[in-house]
C-alpha atoms as a PDB file:
ATOM      1  CA  MET A   1      12.987  -5.500  11.210  1.00  0.00           C
ATOM      2  CA  THR A   2      11.166  -2.238  11.735  1.00  0.00           C
ATOM      3  CA  SER A   3      12.569   1.195  12.436  1.00  0.00           C
ATOM      4  CA  ALA A   4      11.507   0.875  16.063  1.00  0.00           C
ATOM      5  CA  THR A   5      14.268   1.404  18.565  1.00  0.00           C
ATOM      6  CA  ARG A   6      16.340  -1.708  18.988  1.00  0.00           C
ATOM      7  CA  LYS A   7      17.670  -2.431  22.455  1.00  0.00           C
ATOM      8  CA  SER A   8      21.303  -3.429  22.653  1.00  0.00           C
ATOM      9  CA  THR A   9      22.510  -6.127  24.987  1.00  0.00           C
ATOM     10  CA  THR A  10      25.632  -6.559  27.039  1.00  0.00           C
ATOM     11  CA  ALA A  11      27.657  -9.721  27.492  1.00  0.00           C
ATOM     12  CA  LYS A  12      27.006 -11.616  30.698  1.00  0.00           C
ATOM     13  CA  PRO A  13      29.365 -14.582  30.588  1.00  0.00           C
ATOM     14  CA  ASN A  14      28.773 -15.408  34.223  1.00  0.00           C
ATOM     15  CA  GLY A  15      25.001 -15.574  34.065  1.00  0.00           C
ATOM     16  CA  GLY A  16      22.128 -13.153  33.797  1.00  0.00           C
ATOM     17  CA  ASN A  17      19.186 -12.813  31.480  1.00  0.00           C
ATOM     18  CA  ASP A  18      21.112 -12.202  28.240  1.00  0.00           C
ATOM     19  CA  SER A  19      20.640 -15.160  25.903  1.00  0.00           C
ATOM     20  CA  ARG A  20      24.135 -14.697  24.471  1.00  0.00           C
ATOM     21  CA  SER A  21      27.141 -15.938  26.389  1.00  0.00           C
ATOM     22  CA  TYR A  22      29.578 -13.482  24.860  1.00  0.00           C
ATOM     23  CA  SER A  23      29.289 -10.199  23.042  1.00  0.00           C
ATOM     24  CA  VAL A  24      31.653  -8.058  20.988  1.00  0.00           C
ATOM     25  CA  PRO A  25      30.214  -4.532  21.127  1.00  0.00           C
ATOM     26  CA  ALA A  26      31.740  -3.292  17.873  1.00  0.00           C
ATOM     27  CA  VAL A  27      30.534  -6.376  16.001  1.00  0.00           C
ATOM     28  CA  ASP A  28      27.088  -6.062  17.582  1.00  0.00           C
ATOM     29  CA  LYS A  29      26.858  -2.470  16.384  1.00  0.00           C
ATOM     30  CA  ALA A  30      27.947  -3.397  12.867  1.00  0.00           C
ATOM     31  CA  MET A  31      25.433  -6.246  12.655  1.00  0.00           C
ATOM     32  CA  ASP A  32      22.654  -4.018  14.017  1.00  0.00           C
ATOM     33  CA  VAL A  33      23.409  -1.486  11.278  1.00  0.00           C
ATOM     34  CA  LEU A  34      23.419  -4.102   8.509  1.00  0.00           C
ATOM     35  CA  GLU A  35      20.174  -5.698   9.698  1.00  0.00           C
ATOM     36  CA  LEU A  36      18.486  -2.299  10.040  1.00  0.00           C
ATOM     37  CA  LEU A  37      19.489  -1.131   6.562  1.00  0.00           C
ATOM     38  CA  ALA A  38      18.350  -4.432   5.052  1.00  0.00           C
ATOM     39  CA  ASP A  39      14.809  -3.187   5.735  1.00  0.00           C
ATOM     40  CA  ALA A  40      15.441   0.378   4.575  1.00  0.00           C
ATOM     41  CA  PRO A  41      15.382   0.388   0.749  1.00  0.00           C
ATOM     42  CA  ARG A  42      15.579   4.211   0.680  1.00  0.00           C
ATOM     43  CA  GLY A  43      18.584   4.254   2.986  1.00  0.00           C
ATOM     44  CA  MET A  44      19.044   6.085   6.273  1.00  0.00           C
ATOM     45  CA  SER A  45      21.146   8.935   7.584  1.00  0.00           C
ATOM     46  CA  LEU A  46      23.556   8.633  10.486  1.00  0.00           C
ATOM     47  CA  THR A  47      21.002  10.412  12.682  1.00  0.00           C
ATOM     48  CA  GLY A  48      18.203   8.085  11.561  1.00  0.00           C
ATOM     49  CA  ILE A  49      20.306   4.985  12.187  1.00  0.00           C
ATOM     50  CA  ALA A  50      21.320   6.203  15.641  1.00  0.00           C
ATOM     51  CA  ASP A  51      17.712   6.994  16.579  1.00  0.00           C
ATOM     52  CA  ALA A  52      16.426   3.637  15.286  1.00  0.00           C
ATOM     53  CA  LEU A  53      19.080   1.674  17.186  1.00  0.00           C
ATOM     54  CA  GLY A  54      18.882   3.719  20.376  1.00  0.00           C
ATOM     55  CA  ARG A  55      22.558   4.655  20.166  1.00  0.00           C
ATOM     56  CA  THR A  56      24.455   7.907  19.840  1.00  0.00           C
ATOM     57  CA  LYS A  57      25.873   9.188  16.572  1.00  0.00           C
ATOM     58  CA  GLN A  58      29.319   9.119  18.149  1.00  0.00           C
ATOM     59  CA  GLU A  59      28.936   5.388  18.853  1.00  0.00           C
ATOM     60  CA  LEU A  60      28.029   4.596  15.269  1.00  0.00           C
ATOM     61  CA  PHE A  61      30.103   7.019  13.199  1.00  0.00           C
ATOM     62  CA  ARG A  62      33.263   4.899  13.101  1.00  0.00           C
ATOM     63  CA  VAL A  63      31.219   1.737  12.526  1.00  0.00           C
ATOM     64  CA  LEU A  64      29.567   3.301   9.472  1.00  0.00           C
ATOM     65  CA  VAL A  65      32.890   4.573   8.148  1.00  0.00           C
ATOM     66  CA  CYS A  66      34.408   1.105   8.494  1.00  0.00           C
ATOM     67  CA  LEU A  67      31.464  -0.642   6.801  1.00  0.00           C
ATOM     68  CA  HIS A  68      31.561   1.955   4.014  1.00  0.00           C
ATOM     69  CA  GLU A  69      35.300   1.573   3.459  1.00  0.00           C
ATOM     70  CA  ARG A  70      35.005  -2.230   3.408  1.00  0.00           C
ATOM     71  CA  GLY A  71      32.287  -2.017   0.751  1.00  0.00           C
ATOM     72  CA  TYR A  72      29.333  -3.243   2.802  1.00  0.00           C
ATOM     73  CA  LEU A  73      27.610   0.140   2.639  1.00  0.00           C
ATOM     74  CA  VAL A  74      27.291   2.813  -0.027  1.00  0.00           C
ATOM     75  CA  ARG A  75      26.519   6.467   0.664  1.00  0.00           C
ATOM     76  CA  ASP A  76      24.499   8.636  -1.692  1.00  0.00           C
ATOM     77  CA  GLU A  77      24.678  12.368  -2.343  1.00  0.00           C
ATOM     78  CA  GLY A  78      22.189  13.004   0.440  1.00  0.00           C
ATOM     79  CA  GLN A  79      24.505  11.269   2.925  1.00  0.00           C
ATOM     80  CA  PHE A  80      22.096   8.351   3.266  1.00  0.00           C
ATOM     81  CA  TYR A  81      23.614   4.912   3.784  1.00  0.00           C
ATOM     82  CA  HIS A  82      22.424   1.888   1.812  1.00  0.00           C
ATOM     83  CA  LEU A  83      23.431  -1.764   1.810  1.00  0.00           C
ATOM     84  CA  SER A  84      25.720  -2.718  -1.067  1.00  0.00           C
ATOM     85  CA  THR A  85      25.569  -6.126  -2.756  1.00  0.00           C
ATOM     86  CA  LYS A  86      28.727  -7.335  -1.027  1.00  0.00           C
ATOM     87  CA  LEU A  87      26.938  -9.542   1.518  1.00  0.00           C
ATOM     88  CA  PHE A  88      25.051 -11.249  -1.289  1.00  0.00           C
ATOM     89  CA  GLU A  89      28.246 -11.655  -3.314  1.00  0.00           C
ATOM     90  CA  ILE A  90      29.952 -13.323  -0.358  1.00  0.00           C
ATOM     91  CA  GLY A  91      26.998 -15.626   0.289  1.00  0.00           C
ATOM     92  CA  SER A  92      26.685 -16.557  -3.378  1.00  0.00           C
ATOM     93  CA  ARG A  93      30.275 -17.849  -3.364  1.00  0.00           C
ATOM     94  CA  HIS A  94      29.384 -20.504  -0.792  1.00  0.00           C
ATOM     95  CA  PRO A  95      29.623 -23.940  -2.444  1.00  0.00           C
ATOM     96  CA  SER A  96      26.130 -25.013  -1.354  1.00  0.00           C
ATOM     97  CA  THR A  97      24.598 -21.907  -2.932  1.00  0.00           C
ATOM     98  CA  GLN A  98      26.544 -22.352  -6.160  1.00  0.00           C
ATOM     99  CA  THR A  99      25.553 -26.016  -6.364  1.00  0.00           C
ATOM    100  CA  LEU A 100      21.856 -25.303  -5.810  1.00  0.00           C
ATOM    101  CA  VAL A 101      21.806 -22.522  -8.389  1.00  0.00           C
ATOM    102  CA  ALA A 102      23.677 -24.623 -10.951  1.00  0.00           C
ATOM    103  CA  ARG A 103      21.275 -27.541 -10.532  1.00  0.00           C
ATOM    104  CA  ALA A 104      18.178 -25.356 -10.446  1.00  0.00           C
ATOM    105  CA  ILE A 105      18.816 -23.098 -13.456  1.00  0.00           C
ATOM    106  CA  PRO A 106      18.006 -25.667 -16.206  1.00  0.00           C
ATOM    107  CA  HIS A 107      14.725 -26.556 -14.513  1.00  0.00           C
ATOM    108  CA  MET A 108      13.900 -22.889 -13.947  1.00  0.00           C
ATOM    109  CA  GLU A 109      14.493 -22.182 -17.636  1.00  0.00           C
ATOM    110  CA  GLN A 110      12.103 -24.990 -18.557  1.00  0.00           C
ATOM    111  CA  LEU A 111       9.544 -23.684 -16.069  1.00  0.00           C
ATOM    112  CA  THR A 112       9.706 -20.169 -17.499  1.00  0.00           C
ATOM    113  CA  GLY A 113       9.377 -21.489 -21.044  1.00  0.00           C
ATOM    114  CA  ARG A 114       6.412 -23.637 -20.033  1.00  0.00           C
ATOM    115  CA  LEU A 115       4.474 -20.858 -18.287  1.00  0.00           C
ATOM    116  CA  GLY A 116       5.671 -17.681 -19.932  1.00  0.00           C
ATOM    117  CA  GLU A 117       6.235 -16.320 -16.420  1.00  0.00           C
ATOM    118  CA  SER A 118       9.457 -15.363 -14.646  1.00  0.00           C
ATOM    119  CA  CYS A 119      10.589 -17.416 -11.665  1.00  0.00           C
ATOM    120  CA  HIS A 120      13.082 -16.939  -8.887  1.00  0.00           C
ATOM    121  CA  LEU A 121      14.949 -19.057  -6.356  1.00  0.00           C
ATOM    122  CA  THR A 122      15.355 -18.077  -2.717  1.00  0.00           C
ATOM    123  CA  MET A 123      17.273 -19.448   0.261  1.00  0.00           C
ATOM    124  CA  VAL A 124      16.956 -18.994   4.017  1.00  0.00           C
ATOM    125  CA  VAL A 125      19.918 -16.996   5.290  1.00  0.00           C
ATOM    126  CA  GLN A 126      19.782 -16.481   9.037  1.00  0.00           C
ATOM    127  CA  LYS A 127      16.494 -14.626   9.708  1.00  0.00           C
ATOM    128  CA  ARG A 128      15.852 -13.613   6.107  1.00  0.00           C
ATOM    129  CA  MET A 129      14.975 -14.952   2.691  1.00  0.00           C
ATOM    130  CA  LEU A 130      17.550 -14.168  -0.001  1.00  0.00           C
ATOM    131  CA  VAL A 131      16.905 -14.217  -3.754  1.00  0.00           C
ATOM    132  CA  VAL A 132      19.854 -16.085  -5.309  1.00  0.00           C
ATOM    133  CA  ALA A 133      18.714 -16.647  -8.906  1.00  0.00           C
ATOM    134  CA  ARG A 134      16.003 -15.726 -11.382  1.00  0.00           C
ATOM    135  CA  ILE A 135      14.959 -16.506 -14.932  1.00  0.00           C
ATOM    136  CA  GLU A 136      13.043 -13.856 -16.856  1.00  0.00           C
ATOM    137  CA  ALA A 137      10.276 -14.768 -19.292  1.00  0.00           C
ATOM    138  CA  ASP A 138      10.015 -13.409 -22.834  1.00  0.00           C
ATOM    139  CA  SER A 139       6.427 -12.265 -22.331  1.00  0.00           C
ATOM    140  CA  ASP A 140       5.635  -8.582 -22.821  1.00  0.00           C
ATOM    141  CA  VAL A 141       4.462  -8.104 -19.213  1.00  0.00           C
ATOM    142  CA  VAL A 142       6.091 -10.094 -16.419  1.00  0.00           C
ATOM    143  CA  LEU A 143       7.074  -9.670 -12.786  1.00  0.00           C
ATOM    144  CA  THR A 144      10.703 -10.096 -11.826  1.00  0.00           C
ATOM    145  CA  VAL A 145      12.431 -10.048  -8.451  1.00  0.00           C
ATOM    146  CA  ARG A 146      15.903  -8.615  -8.038  1.00  0.00           C
ATOM    147  CA  VAL A 147      18.687 -11.100  -7.350  1.00  0.00           C
ATOM    148  CA  GLY A 148      20.145 -10.121  -3.983  1.00  0.00           C
ATOM    149  CA  ALA A 149      16.842  -8.884  -2.576  1.00  0.00           C
ATOM    150  CA  SER A 150      16.136 -10.085   0.956  1.00  0.00           C
ATOM    151  CA  PHE A 151      13.225  -9.895   3.352  1.00  0.00           C
ATOM    152  CA  PRO A 152      12.065 -11.264   6.731  1.00  0.00           C
ATOM    153  CA  LEU A 153      10.793 -14.821   6.397  1.00  0.00           C
ATOM    154  CA  HIS A 154       7.205 -14.268   7.512  1.00  0.00           C
ATOM    155  CA  THR A 155       6.490 -11.267   5.279  1.00  0.00           C
ATOM    156  CA  ARG A 156       6.375 -12.949   1.845  1.00  0.00           C
ATOM    157  CA  THR A 157       4.910 -16.133   0.400  1.00  0.00           C
ATOM    158  CA  SER A 158       8.269 -17.743  -0.377  1.00  0.00           C
ATOM    159  CA  GLY A 159       9.481 -16.854   3.121  1.00  0.00           C
ATOM    160  CA  LEU A 160       6.472 -18.553   4.690  1.00  0.00           C
ATOM    161  CA  VAL A 161       7.224 -21.671   2.661  1.00  0.00           C
ATOM    162  CA  GLY A 162      10.805 -21.519   3.891  1.00  0.00           C
ATOM    163  CA  LEU A 163       9.619 -21.165   7.480  1.00  0.00           C
ATOM    164  CA  ALA A 164       7.177 -24.041   7.046  1.00  0.00           C
ATOM    165  CA  TRP A 165      10.000 -26.469   6.271  1.00  0.00           C
ATOM    166  CA  LEU A 166      12.450 -25.254   8.889  1.00  0.00           C
ATOM    167  CA  PRO A 167      12.862 -27.457  11.968  1.00  0.00           C
ATOM    168  CA  GLU A 168      10.587 -26.448  14.830  1.00  0.00           C
ATOM    169  CA  HIS A 169      13.433 -25.229  17.043  1.00  0.00           C
ATOM    170  CA  ARG A 170      14.601 -22.853  14.309  1.00  0.00           C
ATOM    171  CA  ARG A 171      11.088 -21.514  13.811  1.00  0.00           C
ATOM    172  CA  MET A 172      10.688 -20.916  17.537  1.00  0.00           C
ATOM    173  CA  GLU A 173      14.015 -19.095  17.648  1.00  0.00           C
ATOM    174  CA  TYR A 174      12.892 -16.976  14.705  1.00  0.00           C
ATOM    175  CA  TRP A 175       9.630 -16.015  16.404  1.00  0.00           C
ATOM    176  CA  LYS A 176      11.493 -15.046  19.569  1.00  0.00           C
ATOM    177  CA  GLN A 177      13.509 -12.543  17.547  1.00  0.00           C
ATOM    178  CA  SER A 178      10.511 -11.161  15.681  1.00  0.00           C
ATOM    179  CA  ASP A 179       8.174  -8.404  16.847  1.00  0.00           C
ATOM    180  CA  GLU A 180       5.065 -10.558  16.439  1.00  0.00           C
ATOM    181  CA  THR A 181       2.630 -11.136  19.298  1.00  0.00           C
ATOM    182  CA  ASP A 182       1.904 -14.597  20.641  1.00  0.00           C
ATOM    183  CA  GLU A 183      -1.494 -14.490  18.950  1.00  0.00           C
ATOM    184  CA  ALA A 184       0.042 -13.564  15.600  1.00  0.00           C
ATOM    185  CA  VAL A 185       2.646 -16.315  15.898  1.00  0.00           C
ATOM    186  CA  ALA A 186      -0.056 -18.889  16.687  1.00  0.00           C
ATOM    187  CA  ALA A 187      -2.031 -17.812  13.609  1.00  0.00           C
ATOM    188  CA  LEU A 188       1.059 -17.939  11.421  1.00  0.00           C
ATOM    189  CA  GLU A 189       1.981 -21.382  12.737  1.00  0.00           C
ATOM    190  CA  GLU A 190      -1.479 -22.596  11.692  1.00  0.00           C
ATOM    191  CA  ARG A 191      -0.841 -21.175   8.251  1.00  0.00           C
ATOM    192  CA  LEU A 192       2.546 -22.906   8.076  1.00  0.00           C
ATOM    193  CA  ALA A 193       0.957 -26.236   8.977  1.00  0.00           C
ATOM    194  CA  ALA A 194      -1.530 -25.777   6.127  1.00  0.00           C
ATOM    195  CA  ILE A 195       1.329 -24.990   3.727  1.00  0.00           C
ATOM    196  CA  ARG A 196       3.167 -28.156   4.776  1.00  0.00           C
ATOM    197  CA  GLU A 197       0.005 -30.167   4.223  1.00  0.00           C
ATOM    198  CA  LEU A 198      -0.489 -28.776   0.719  1.00  0.00           C
ATOM    199  CA  GLY A 199       3.172 -28.786  -0.222  1.00  0.00           C
ATOM    200  CA  TYR A 200       3.013 -25.262  -1.619  1.00  0.00           C
ATOM    201  CA  ALA A 201       1.552 -21.799  -1.016  1.00  0.00           C
ATOM    202  CA  VAL A 202      -0.408 -19.467  -3.284  1.00  0.00           C
ATOM    203  CA  ALA A 203      -1.234 -16.003  -2.008  1.00  0.00           C
ATOM    204  CA  GLU A 204      -1.739 -12.393  -2.985  1.00  0.00           C
ATOM    205  CA  SER A 205       1.572 -10.571  -3.269  1.00  0.00           C
ATOM    206  CA  ALA A 206       2.551  -8.600  -0.186  1.00  0.00           C
ATOM    207  CA  THR A 207       4.191  -5.916  -2.339  1.00  0.00           C
ATOM    208  CA  VAL A 208       2.345  -5.671  -5.681  1.00  0.00           C
ATOM    209  CA  ILE A 209      -1.411  -5.099  -5.926  1.00  0.00           C
ATOM    210  CA  GLY A 210      -3.030  -7.543  -8.321  1.00  0.00           C
ATOM    211  CA  ALA A 211      -0.114  -9.977  -8.292  1.00  0.00           C
ATOM    212  CA  ARG A 212       0.027 -13.480  -6.834  1.00  0.00           C
ATOM    213  CA  ASP A 213       2.881 -15.662  -5.655  1.00  0.00           C
ATOM    214  CA  CYS A 214       3.142 -19.420  -5.975  1.00  0.00           C
ATOM    215  CA  ALA A 215       5.982 -20.985  -3.986  1.00  0.00           C
ATOM    216  CA  THR A 216       7.075 -24.487  -3.047  1.00  0.00           C
ATOM    217  CA  PRO A 217      10.124 -25.956  -1.288  1.00  0.00           C
ATOM    218  CA  ILE A 218      13.165 -27.613  -2.807  1.00  0.00           C
ATOM    219  CA  LEU A 219      14.134 -30.451  -0.475  1.00  0.00           C
ATOM    220  CA  GLY A 220      17.350 -32.393  -0.042  1.00  0.00           C
ATOM    221  CA  SER A 221      18.091 -35.645   1.688  1.00  0.00           C
ATOM    222  CA  GLY A 222      16.014 -36.228   4.794  1.00  0.00           C
ATOM    223  CA  ALA A 223      13.513 -33.629   3.553  1.00  0.00           C
ATOM    224  CA  SER A 224      15.884 -30.830   4.596  1.00  0.00           C
ATOM    225  CA  LEU A 225      15.142 -27.432   3.099  1.00  0.00           C
ATOM    226  CA  LEU A 226      17.509 -26.344   0.323  1.00  0.00           C
ATOM    227  CA  GLY A 227      15.573 -23.432  -1.107  1.00  0.00           C
ATOM    228  CA  VAL A 228      12.208 -22.201  -2.316  1.00  0.00           C
ATOM    229  CA  LEU A 229      11.082 -21.893  -5.938  1.00  0.00           C
ATOM    230  CA  CYS A 230       8.599 -19.101  -6.639  1.00  0.00           C
ATOM    231  CA  VAL A 231       6.645 -17.702  -9.579  1.00  0.00           C
ATOM    232  CA  SER A 232       5.123 -14.238  -9.153  1.00  0.00           C
ATOM    233  CA  TYR A 233       2.510 -13.384 -11.761  1.00  0.00           C
ATOM    234  CA  VAL A 234      -0.279 -10.969 -12.658  1.00  0.00           C
ATOM    235  CA  GLN A 235      -3.708 -11.830 -13.987  1.00  0.00           C
ATOM    236  CA  ARG A 236      -3.818 -10.761 -17.622  1.00  0.00           C
ATOM    237  CA  VAL A 237      -6.968 -10.056 -19.617  1.00  0.00           C
ATOM    238  CA  GLY A 238      -8.519 -13.386 -20.499  1.00  0.00           C
ATOM    239  CA  ASP A 239      -6.704 -15.342 -17.781  1.00  0.00           C
ATOM    240  CA  PRO A 240      -8.791 -17.400 -15.335  1.00  0.00           C
ATOM    241  CA  ALA A 241      -8.889 -16.231 -11.731  1.00  0.00           C
ATOM    242  CA  GLU A 242      -7.257 -19.454 -10.570  1.00  0.00           C
ATOM    243  CA  ARG A 243      -4.111 -20.840 -12.201  1.00  0.00           C
ATOM    244  CA  PRO A 244      -3.726 -24.529 -11.280  1.00  0.00           C
ATOM    245  CA  ASP A 245      -1.346 -24.863 -14.237  1.00  0.00           C
ATOM    246  CA  ILE A 246       1.120 -22.567 -12.479  1.00  0.00           C
ATOM    247  CA  VAL A 247       0.853 -24.486  -9.217  1.00  0.00           C
ATOM    248  CA  GLN A 248       1.344 -27.806 -10.987  1.00  0.00           C
ATOM    249  CA  ALA A 249       4.337 -26.553 -12.979  1.00  0.00           C
ATOM    250  CA  VAL A 250       6.064 -24.959  -9.970  1.00  0.00           C
ATOM    251  CA  VAL A 251       5.622 -28.075  -7.818  1.00  0.00           C
ATOM    252  CA  GLU A 252       6.869 -30.368 -10.594  1.00  0.00           C
ATOM    253  CA  SER A 253       9.905 -28.160 -11.238  1.00  0.00           C
ATOM    254  CA  ALA A 254      10.817 -28.013  -7.550  1.00  0.00           C
ATOM    255  CA  ARG A 255      10.551 -31.794  -7.303  1.00  0.00           C
ATOM    256  CA  ALA A 256      12.792 -32.140 -10.359  1.00  0.00           C
ATOM    257  CA  ILE A 257      15.412 -29.931  -8.702  1.00  0.00           C
ATOM    258  CA  SER A 258      15.087 -31.936  -5.467  1.00  0.00           C
ATOM    259  CA  ALA A 259      15.629 -35.126  -7.477  1.00  0.00           C
ATOM    260  CA  GLU A 260      19.082 -33.796  -8.412  1.00  0.00           C
ATOM    261  CA  TYR A 261      20.027 -34.469  -4.791  1.00  0.00           C
ATOM    262  CA  GLY A 262      18.494 -37.939  -4.497  1.00  0.00           C
ATOM    263  CA  PRO A 263      15.083 -39.606  -4.139  1.00  0.00           C
ATOM    264  CA  VAL A 264      12.316 -37.088  -3.559  1.00  0.00           C
ATOM    265  CA  PRO A 265      10.729 -37.582  -0.110  1.00  0.00           C
ATOM    266  CA  ASP A 266       7.075 -38.579  -0.038  1.00  0.00           C
ATOM    267  CA  GLY A 267       4.371 -36.704   1.836  1.00  0.00           C
ATOM    268  CA  ASP A 268       3.859 -32.988   2.505  1.00  0.00           C
ATOM    269  CA  GLY A 269       2.182 -32.469  -0.833  1.00  0.00           C
ATOM    270  CA  ALA A 270       4.659 -34.590  -2.759  1.00  0.00           C
ATOM    271  CA  ASP A 271       1.872 -36.487  -4.531  1.00  0.00           C
ATOM    272  CA  LEU A 272       0.070 -33.323  -5.605  1.00  0.00           C
ATOM    273  CA  VAL A 273      -2.201 -33.750  -8.620  1.00  0.00           C
ATOM    274  CA  LEU A 274      -4.332 -30.859  -9.828  1.00  0.00           C
ATOM    275  CA  ASP A 275      -7.294 -30.868 -12.177  1.00  0.00           C
ATOM    276  CA  ASP A 276      -7.278 -28.439 -15.096  1.00  0.00           C
END
């Protein structure tokens, strides 16, 4: 979500162009604020939030006070509002999240020990990718991703992998809510098809210069997406430019986690074998 003005919608239960059948204005405002601040790591003032959402400060003041009092927002000394970790804490208590993390952690520990690189586990939550677990390596220089961090699906490597394994109708709904042009969506869909064919994605980091991400899906029964396993790493002195060992290890670890849920589905890169 960008800081561009977001247009609010009004309920039209008897027809009209609004895609929603019902709307609760106060809830809509609260959700708009939370989604906006999710993409504002430095926080925003009441004036900035009102301008970005195309609403008045009077409309949003009580919403911000309520979200702050309930612990969803924190306010710094400069009167800037930031998201707290409460949404992540609530989501992490969901049984499916707890089960995935519990089953994944032993395999993630083995992966980190094997590569000497940190790894993290993400899940698709609505329109975003959420980091739900990580294992840090003992190496002197490693990249780590904060547990609780979230980002739009199509902006990071692990998010693209998540999108690639979502059902088509969910991807189309996601694109409708994004700010991407039809041409950009078509190009991204081609990229997603290539990721599904390979069974993984390796790409330059979207946030750290000189870093690369390797991500692959964790699949449940019926090849449904459970999460995405990712290793973010830098090229150290003496390292080769390409790291097939990382790709192989990440894919094998993700398949081992998937096997905790039943037989691993064939296809979509499941039979990946890499040469050294």
